[in-house]
């Protein structure tokens, strides 16, 4: 079985749903973040941020990429600190939160994939 077939297997559906949720949340937040940058008058920052967040969301959602999840978390933490310092209140905390969920579920997926490659048995993995 190829990795994409494994990803679509019913035993992996809970993790697939969680990764899809992380991706969709990133797409929505990227658009909101774009709007905030545009309102602030930073068009270049808006476009860069939009492309970066959508790219990382796609990597997590469609590619099950652990690297994208880790980069999202790290960049989200930095972005949260900077945004919170600029606004004087906690801002942007959803980005690292989604990144942490992405890390958890991409690692679960890859652990199950490795187990399948080693044993030939598709493990039942839970999204919880």
Protein backbone atom coordinates (compact mmCIF):
# COMPACT_ATOMS: atom_id res chain seq x y z
CA UNK A 1 0.00 0.00 0.00
CA UNK A 2 1.26 3.47 -0.86
CA UNK A 3 1.36 6.25 1.72
CA UNK A 4 -1.67 8.05 0.27
CA UNK A 5 -3.68 4.81 0.31
CA UNK A 6 -2.60 4.33 3.92
CA UNK A 7 -3.71 7.92 4.69
CA UNK A 8 -7.17 7.13 3.30
CA UNK A 9 -7.50 3.84 5.21
CA UNK A 10 -10.43 3.74 7.70
CA UNK A 11 -8.09 2.88 10.60
CA UNK A 12 -6.38 6.25 10.10
CA UNK A 13 -9.55 8.31 9.69
CA UNK A 14 -9.37 9.99 13.12
CA UNK A 15 -5.90 11.36 12.47
CA UNK A 16 -6.87 12.32 8.92
CA UNK A 17 -9.80 14.35 10.29
CA UNK A 18 -7.54 16.11 12.79
CA UNK A 19 -4.97 17.00 10.12
CA UNK A 20 -7.74 18.24 7.82
CA UNK A 21 -9.04 20.37 10.68
CA UNK A 22 -5.58 21.84 11.28
CA UNK A 23 -5.29 22.70 7.58
CA UNK A 24 -8.73 24.27 7.34
CA UNK A 25 -8.15 26.30 10.51
CA UNK A 26 -4.87 27.55 9.03
CA UNK A 27 -6.56 28.62 5.79
CA UNK A 28 -9.19 30.59 7.71
CA UNK A 29 -6.67 32.18 10.06
CA UNK A 30 -4.39 33.05 7.14
CA UNK A 31 -7.21 35.01 5.50
CA UNK A 32 -8.04 36.85 8.75
CA UNK A 33 -4.36 37.58 9.32
CA UNK A 34 -4.12 38.89 5.75
CA UNK A 35 -7.00 41.25 6.46
CA UNK A 36 -5.38 42.58 9.63
CA UNK A 37 -2.12 43.27 7.77
CA UNK A 38 -4.02 45.05 4.99
CA UNK A 39 -5.93 47.18 7.51
CA UNK A 40 -2.60 48.06 9.13
CA UNK A 41 -1.31 49.13 5.70
CA UNK A 42 1.38 46.45 5.35
CA UNK A 43 0.57 44.91 1.96
CA UNK A 44 3.92 43.13 1.54
CA UNK A 45 3.63 41.61 5.03
CA UNK A 46 0.06 40.60 4.25
CA UNK A 47 1.03 38.70 1.09
CA UNK A 48 4.09 37.05 2.66
CA UNK A 49 2.11 36.01 5.74
CA UNK A 50 -0.78 34.69 3.64
CA UNK A 51 1.49 32.60 1.41
CA UNK A 52 3.50 31.28 4.35
CA UNK A 53 0.51 30.27 6.45
CA UNK A 54 -1.39 28.73 3.54
CA UNK A 55 1.75 26.83 2.49
CA UNK A 56 2.28 25.49 5.99
CA UNK A 57 -1.42 24.58 6.25
CA UNK A 58 -1.23 22.69 2.96
CA UNK A 59 1.90 20.89 4.14
CA UNK A 60 0.12 19.71 7.27
CA UNK A 61 -3.23 18.98 5.63
CA UNK A 62 -2.18 17.33 2.39
CA UNK A 63 1.43 16.35 3.03
CA UNK A 64 1.21 15.23 6.66
CA UNK A 65 4.48 17.15 7.06
CA UNK A 66 6.07 17.15 10.49
CA UNK A 67 8.48 19.85 9.34
CA UNK A 68 5.61 22.17 8.37
CA UNK A 69 3.97 21.60 11.76
CA UNK A 70 7.20 22.39 13.62
CA UNK A 71 7.90 25.49 11.48
CA UNK A 72 4.32 26.67 11.99
CA UNK A 73 4.66 26.30 15.75
CA UNK A 74 8.00 28.11 15.90
CA UNK A 75 6.90 30.91 13.57
CA UNK A 76 3.57 31.15 15.39
CA UNK A 77 5.31 31.59 18.76
CA UNK A 78 7.53 34.36 17.37
CA UNK A 79 4.54 35.98 15.65
CA UNK A 80 2.50 35.78 18.87
CA UNK A 81 5.25 37.44 20.89
CA UNK A 82 5.72 40.24 18.36
CA UNK A 83 1.98 40.80 17.87
CA UNK A 84 1.36 40.79 21.62
CA UNK A 85 4.11 43.33 22.18
CA UNK A 86 2.71 45.57 19.44
CA UNK A 87 -0.91 45.40 20.56
CA UNK A 88 -0.38 45.24 24.31
CA UNK A 89 -2.59 42.16 24.62
CA UNK A 90 -2.28 38.47 23.76
CA UNK A 91 -2.60 38.17 19.97
CA UNK A 92 -2.01 35.45 17.42
CA UNK A 93 -2.01 32.56 19.87
CA UNK A 94 -4.10 30.32 17.61
CA UNK A 95 -1.22 29.85 15.15
CA UNK A 96 1.11 28.05 17.59
CA UNK A 97 -1.88 26.15 19.02
CA UNK A 98 -2.70 24.75 15.58
CA UNK A 99 1.00 24.05 15.09
CA UNK A 100 1.10 21.96 18.27
CA UNK A 101 -1.95 19.97 17.12
CA UNK A 102 -0.23 19.55 13.76
CA UNK A 103 2.90 18.22 15.46
CA UNK A 104 0.90 15.74 17.55
CA UNK A 105 -1.10 14.33 14.65
CA UNK A 106 1.63 14.31 12.01
CA UNK A 107 3.85 12.38 14.42
CA UNK A 108 0.98 9.95 15.16
CA UNK A 109 0.48 9.46 11.44
CA UNK A 110 4.17 8.84 10.71
CA UNK A 111 4.51 6.47 13.68
CA UNK A 112 1.59 4.42 12.33
CA UNK A 113 3.02 4.54 8.80
CA UNK A 114 6.36 3.21 10.06
CA UNK A 115 4.56 0.51 12.02
CA UNK A 116 2.65 -0.48 8.88
CA UNK A 117 5.85 -0.63 6.81
CA UNK A 118 7.53 -2.78 9.47
CA UNK A 119 4.65 -5.21 10.13
CA UNK A 120 2.33 -4.95 7.12
CA UNK A 121 -0.64 -4.42 9.49
CA UNK A 122 -2.55 -1.13 9.44
CA UNK A 123 -2.79 -0.06 13.09
CA UNK A 124 -5.92 1.55 14.44
CA UNK A 125 -4.89 5.02 15.53
CA UNK A 126 -7.12 7.36 17.43
CA UNK A 127 -7.28 11.09 16.97
CA UNK A 128 -7.54 11.55 20.72
